[in-house]
Amino acid sequence: MHSLSDLMGQHHRECDALFAEIEGAVTRADWSLACVRFGAFRAELEAHFKAEEEVLFPRFEAVTGMTEGPTRVMRAEHASMREALTLIADALARQDADDFAGESETLFVLMQQHNMKEESVLYPMCDMRLAAEAADLGERIDQLIDEVRA
């Protein structure tokens, strides 16, 4: 069993790779591929948020009693990223490379800052506080993510 940090960090990297594919497609003006890859990326990112918001964060909060700490910040950042996804979807629908570039840069910065906080602070706290149930939590998280890919 890998740690929760390993599992969630790996999914961050998978989402980042999908995001790079979208940017490449837009650079080549392959709008059809960009839209398809964006759909896959958005679904993966939403699955990641769902795994955190419905499985990992509630369990962490129940065990630690911390509901106003890091998980609250992460949820707020998820909301900001969802807003950016909506703006990117609009830019792709209009085939507007300039708007896409601006919105994707915003999302990229949000994701990188968010992932760094989770990987350096929150996930290690989860590894420590949820070690006894990490296998079960990891399985539930994998199932949520796999549902998107099915």
C-alpha atoms as a PDB file:
ATOM      1  CA  MET A   1       0.000   0.000   0.000  1.00  0.00           C
ATOM      2  CA  HIS A   2       1.310   3.389  -0.988  1.00  0.00           C
ATOM      3  CA  SER A   3       0.742   6.324   1.318  1.00  0.00           C
ATOM      4  CA  LEU A   4      -2.130   8.733   0.832  1.00  0.00           C
ATOM      5  CA  SER A   5       0.535  11.302  -0.115  1.00  0.00           C
ATOM      6  CA  ASP A   6       1.810   9.009  -2.858  1.00  0.00           C
ATOM      7  CA  LEU A   7      -1.670   8.251  -4.163  1.00  0.00           C
ATOM      8  CA  MET A   8      -2.896  11.829  -4.257  1.00  0.00           C
ATOM      9  CA  GLY A   9       0.426  13.257  -5.462  1.00  0.00           C
ATOM     10  CA  GLN A  10       0.459  10.782  -8.351  1.00  0.00           C
ATOM     11  CA  HIS A  11      -3.030  11.897  -9.331  1.00  0.00           C
ATOM     12  CA  HIS A  12      -1.824  15.526  -9.295  1.00  0.00           C
ATOM     13  CA  ARG A  13       0.863  14.554 -11.810  1.00  0.00           C
ATOM     14  CA  GLU A  14      -1.671  12.709 -13.994  1.00  0.00           C
ATOM     15  CA  CYS A  15      -3.885  15.814 -14.055  1.00  0.00           C
ATOM     16  CA  ASP A  16      -0.864  18.002 -14.880  1.00  0.00           C
ATOM     17  CA  ALA A  17       0.003  15.752 -17.846  1.00  0.00           C
ATOM     18  CA  LEU A  18      -3.548  16.033 -19.203  1.00  0.00           C
ATOM     19  CA  PHE A  19      -3.407  19.801 -18.807  1.00  0.00           C
ATOM     20  CA  ALA A  20      -0.174  19.917 -20.826  1.00  0.00           C
ATOM     21  CA  GLU A  21      -1.894  17.962 -23.621  1.00  0.00           C
ATOM     22  CA  ILE A  22      -4.607  20.630 -23.840  1.00  0.00           C
ATOM     23  CA  GLU A  23      -2.048  23.396 -24.062  1.00  0.00           C
ATOM     24  CA  GLY A  24      -0.207  21.524 -26.814  1.00  0.00           C
ATOM     25  CA  ALA A  25      -3.392  21.031 -28.804  1.00  0.00           C
ATOM     26  CA  VAL A  26      -4.270  24.732 -28.541  1.00  0.00           C
ATOM     27  CA  THR A  27      -0.749  25.676 -29.638  1.00  0.00           C
ATOM     28  CA  ARG A  28      -1.312  23.563 -32.770  1.00  0.00           C
ATOM     29  CA  ALA A  29      -4.822  25.073 -33.182  1.00  0.00           C
ATOM     30  CA  ASP A  30      -6.271  21.568 -32.890  1.00  0.00           C
ATOM     31  CA  TRP A  31      -9.429  22.798 -31.195  1.00  0.00           C
ATOM     32  CA  SER A  32     -11.242  19.484 -31.486  1.00  0.00           C
ATOM     33  CA  LEU A  33      -8.482  17.608 -29.655  1.00  0.00           C
ATOM     34  CA  ALA A  34      -8.136  20.429 -27.133  1.00  0.00           C
ATOM     35  CA  CYS A  35     -11.840  20.133 -26.285  1.00  0.00           C
ATOM     36  CA  VAL A  36     -11.659  16.349 -25.968  1.00  0.00           C
ATOM     37  CA  ARG A  37      -8.572  16.483 -23.738  1.00  0.00           C
ATOM     38  CA  PHE A  38     -10.129  19.299 -21.708  1.00  0.00           C
ATOM     39  CA  GLY A  39     -13.163  17.101 -21.062  1.00  0.00           C
ATOM     40  CA  ALA A  40     -10.883  14.331 -19.799  1.00  0.00           C
ATOM     41  CA  PHE A  41      -8.839  16.760 -17.712  1.00  0.00           C
ATOM     42  CA  ARG A  42     -11.888  18.401 -16.174  1.00  0.00           C
ATOM     43  CA  ALA A  43     -13.376  15.010 -15.280  1.00  0.00           C
ATOM     44  CA  GLU A  44     -10.102  13.879 -13.672  1.00  0.00           C
ATOM     45  CA  LEU A  45      -9.753  17.105 -11.719  1.00  0.00           C
ATOM     46  CA  GLU A  46     -13.358  16.927 -10.513  1.00  0.00           C
ATOM     47  CA  ALA A  47     -12.789  13.296  -9.477  1.00  0.00           C
ATOM     48  CA  HIS A  48      -9.742  14.421  -7.523  1.00  0.00           C
ATOM     49  CA  PHE A  49     -11.730  17.177  -5.816  1.00  0.00           C
ATOM     50  CA  LYS A  50     -14.554  14.727  -5.069  1.00  0.00           C
ATOM     51  CA  ALA A  51     -12.125  12.218  -3.546  1.00  0.00           C
ATOM     52  CA  GLU A  52     -10.760  14.919  -1.289  1.00  0.00           C
ATOM     53  CA  GLU A  53     -14.066  16.611  -0.440  1.00  0.00           C
ATOM     54  CA  GLU A  54     -16.084  13.424   0.116  1.00  0.00           C
ATOM     55  CA  VAL A  55     -13.497  10.984   1.454  1.00  0.00           C
ATOM     56  CA  LEU A  56     -10.176  12.416   2.579  1.00  0.00           C
ATOM     57  CA  PHE A  57     -11.115  15.792   4.053  1.00  0.00           C
ATOM     58  CA  PRO A  58     -14.138  14.618   6.073  1.00  0.00           C
ATOM     59  CA  ARG A  59     -12.140  11.759   7.576  1.00  0.00           C
ATOM     60  CA  PHE A  60      -9.208  14.043   8.377  1.00  0.00           C
ATOM     61  CA  GLU A  61     -11.572  16.547  10.006  1.00  0.00           C
ATOM     62  CA  ALA A  62     -13.302  13.816  12.030  1.00  0.00           C
ATOM     63  CA  VAL A  63     -10.012  12.452  13.347  1.00  0.00           C
ATOM     64  CA  THR A  64      -8.306  15.788  14.033  1.00  0.00           C
ATOM     65  CA  GLY A  65     -11.261  18.025  14.860  1.00  0.00           C
ATOM     66  CA  MET A  66      -9.772  20.635  12.512  1.00  0.00           C
ATOM     67  CA  THR A  67     -12.539  21.980  10.300  1.00  0.00           C
ATOM     68  CA  GLU A  68     -11.308  25.562   9.969  1.00  0.00           C
ATOM     69  CA  GLY A  69      -7.771  24.678   8.975  1.00  0.00           C
ATOM     70  CA  PRO A  70      -6.145  23.338   5.847  1.00  0.00           C
ATOM     71  CA  THR A  71      -9.197  21.532   4.481  1.00  0.00           C
ATOM     72  CA  ARG A  72     -11.231  24.736   4.508  1.00  0.00           C
ATOM     73  CA  VAL A  73      -8.502  26.503   2.532  1.00  0.00           C
ATOM     74  CA  MET A  74      -8.302  23.602   0.064  1.00  0.00           C
ATOM     75  CA  ARG A  75     -12.072  23.647  -0.516  1.00  0.00           C
ATOM     76  CA  ALA A  76     -11.951  27.392  -1.239  1.00  0.00           C
ATOM     77  CA  GLU A  77      -9.129  26.818  -3.702  1.00  0.00           C
ATOM     78  CA  HIS A  78     -11.140  24.048  -5.380  1.00  0.00           C
ATOM     79  CA  ALA A  79     -13.923  26.601  -5.914  1.00  0.00           C
ATOM     80  CA  SER A  80     -11.461  29.043  -7.523  1.00  0.00           C
ATOM     81  CA  MET A  81     -10.156  26.319  -9.817  1.00  0.00           C
ATOM     82  CA  ARG A  82     -13.703  25.356 -10.807  1.00  0.00           C
ATOM     83  CA  GLU A  83     -14.329  28.973 -11.810  1.00  0.00           C
ATOM     84  CA  ALA A  84     -11.159  28.936 -13.916  1.00  0.00           C
ATOM     85  CA  LEU A  85     -12.305  25.682 -15.579  1.00  0.00           C
ATOM     86  CA  THR A  86     -15.540  27.379 -16.632  1.00  0.00           C
ATOM     87  CA  LEU A  87     -13.621  30.278 -18.182  1.00  0.00           C
ATOM     88  CA  ILE A  88     -11.272  27.890 -19.990  1.00  0.00           C
ATOM     89  CA  ALA A  89     -14.209  25.903 -21.356  1.00  0.00           C
ATOM     90  CA  ASP A  90     -15.668  29.142 -22.707  1.00  0.00           C
ATOM     91  CA  ALA A  91     -12.374  30.135 -24.365  1.00  0.00           C
ATOM     92  CA  LEU A  92     -12.099  26.687 -25.969  1.00  0.00           C
ATOM     93  CA  ALA A  93     -15.691  26.832 -27.221  1.00  0.00           C
ATOM     94  CA  ARG A  94     -14.921  30.188 -28.861  1.00  0.00           C
ATOM     95  CA  GLN A  95     -11.538  28.931 -30.127  1.00  0.00           C
ATOM     96  CA  ASP A  96      -9.930  31.983 -28.576  1.00  0.00           C
ATOM     97  CA  ALA A  97      -6.247  31.196 -28.093  1.00  0.00           C
ATOM     98  CA  ASP A  98      -5.518  34.455 -26.270  1.00  0.00           C
ATOM     99  CA  ASP A  99      -8.298  33.982 -23.704  1.00  0.00           C
ATOM    100  CA  PHE A 100      -7.325  30.350 -23.335  1.00  0.00           C
ATOM    101  CA  ALA A 101      -3.711  31.339 -22.670  1.00  0.00           C
ATOM    102  CA  GLY A 102      -4.679  33.818 -19.962  1.00  0.00           C
ATOM    103  CA  GLU A 103      -7.188  31.554 -18.243  1.00  0.00           C
ATOM    104  CA  SER A 104      -4.980  28.474 -18.471  1.00  0.00           C
ATOM    105  CA  GLU A 105      -2.079  30.395 -16.951  1.00  0.00           C
ATOM    106  CA  THR A 106      -4.335  31.391 -14.051  1.00  0.00           C
ATOM    107  CA  LEU A 107      -5.426  27.791 -13.543  1.00  0.00           C
ATOM    108  CA  PHE A 108      -1.866  26.503 -13.830  1.00  0.00           C
ATOM    109  CA  VAL A 109      -0.669  28.879 -11.091  1.00  0.00           C
ATOM    110  CA  LEU A 110      -3.648  27.993  -8.874  1.00  0.00           C
ATOM    111  CA  MET A 111      -3.023  24.263  -9.346  1.00  0.00           C
ATOM    112  CA  GLN A 112       0.709  24.488  -8.671  1.00  0.00           C
ATOM    113  CA  GLN A 113       0.266  26.509  -5.476  1.00  0.00           C
ATOM    114  CA  HIS A 114      -2.582  24.262  -4.338  1.00  0.00           C
ATOM    115  CA  ASN A 115      -0.714  21.040  -5.058  1.00  0.00           C
ATOM    116  CA  MET A 116       2.372  22.281  -3.242  1.00  0.00           C
ATOM    117  CA  LYS A 117       0.336  23.025  -0.102  1.00  0.00           C
ATOM    118  CA  GLU A 118      -1.390  19.672  -0.219  1.00  0.00           C
ATOM    119  CA  GLU A 119       1.780  17.694  -0.922  1.00  0.00           C
ATOM    120  CA  SER A 120       3.959  19.487   1.624  1.00  0.00           C
ATOM    121  CA  VAL A 121       1.431  20.077   4.421  1.00  0.00           C
ATOM    122  CA  LEU A 122      -1.973  18.408   4.211  1.00  0.00           C
ATOM    123  CA  TYR A 123      -1.126  15.008   2.744  1.00  0.00           C
ATOM    124  CA  PRO A 124       1.729  14.367   5.208  1.00  0.00           C
ATOM    125  CA  MET A 125      -0.691  15.271   8.026  1.00  0.00           C
ATOM    126  CA  CYS A 126      -3.174  12.771   6.559  1.00  0.00           C
ATOM    127  CA  ASP A 127      -0.451  10.114   6.349  1.00  0.00           C
ATOM    128  CA  MET A 128       0.313  10.631  10.022  1.00  0.00           C
ATOM    129  CA  ARG A 129      -3.216  10.957  11.397  1.00  0.00           C
ATOM    130  CA  LEU A 130      -4.978   8.454   9.100  1.00  0.00           C
ATOM    131  CA  ALA A 131      -2.286   5.781   8.873  1.00  0.00           C
ATOM    132  CA  ALA A 132      -4.463   3.073  10.422  1.00  0.00           C
ATOM    133  CA  GLU A 133      -7.132   3.493   7.747  1.00  0.00           C
ATOM    134  CA  ALA A 134      -4.954   4.531   4.807  1.00  0.00           C
ATOM    135  CA  ALA A 135      -5.570   1.316   2.859  1.00  0.00           C
ATOM    136  CA  ASP A 136      -9.353   1.668   3.101  1.00  0.00           C
ATOM    137  CA  LEU A 137      -9.286   5.377   2.284  1.00  0.00           C
ATOM    138  CA  GLY A 138      -6.933   4.762  -0.634  1.00  0.00           C
ATOM    139  CA  GLU A 139      -9.271   2.122  -2.026  1.00  0.00           C
ATOM    140  CA  ARG A 140     -12.271   4.450  -1.767  1.00  0.00           C
ATOM    141  CA  ILE A 141     -10.326   7.240  -3.459  1.00  0.00           C
ATOM    142  CA  ASP A 142      -9.187   4.906  -6.250  1.00  0.00           C
ATOM    143  CA  GLN A 143     -12.791   3.839  -6.807  1.00  0.00           C
ATOM    144  CA  LEU A 144     -13.994   7.427  -7.170  1.00  0.00           C
ATOM    145  CA  ILE A 145     -11.245   8.228  -9.645  1.00  0.00           C
ATOM    146  CA  ASP A 146     -11.816   4.994 -11.586  1.00  0.00           C
ATOM    147  CA  GLU A 147     -15.517   5.845 -11.969  1.00  0.00           C
ATOM    148  CA  VAL A 148     -14.482   8.858 -14.075  1.00  0.00           C
ATOM    149  CA  ARG A 149     -12.317   6.706 -16.317  1.00  0.00           C
ATOM    150  CA  ALA A 150     -14.961   4.045 -16.903  1.00  0.00           C
END
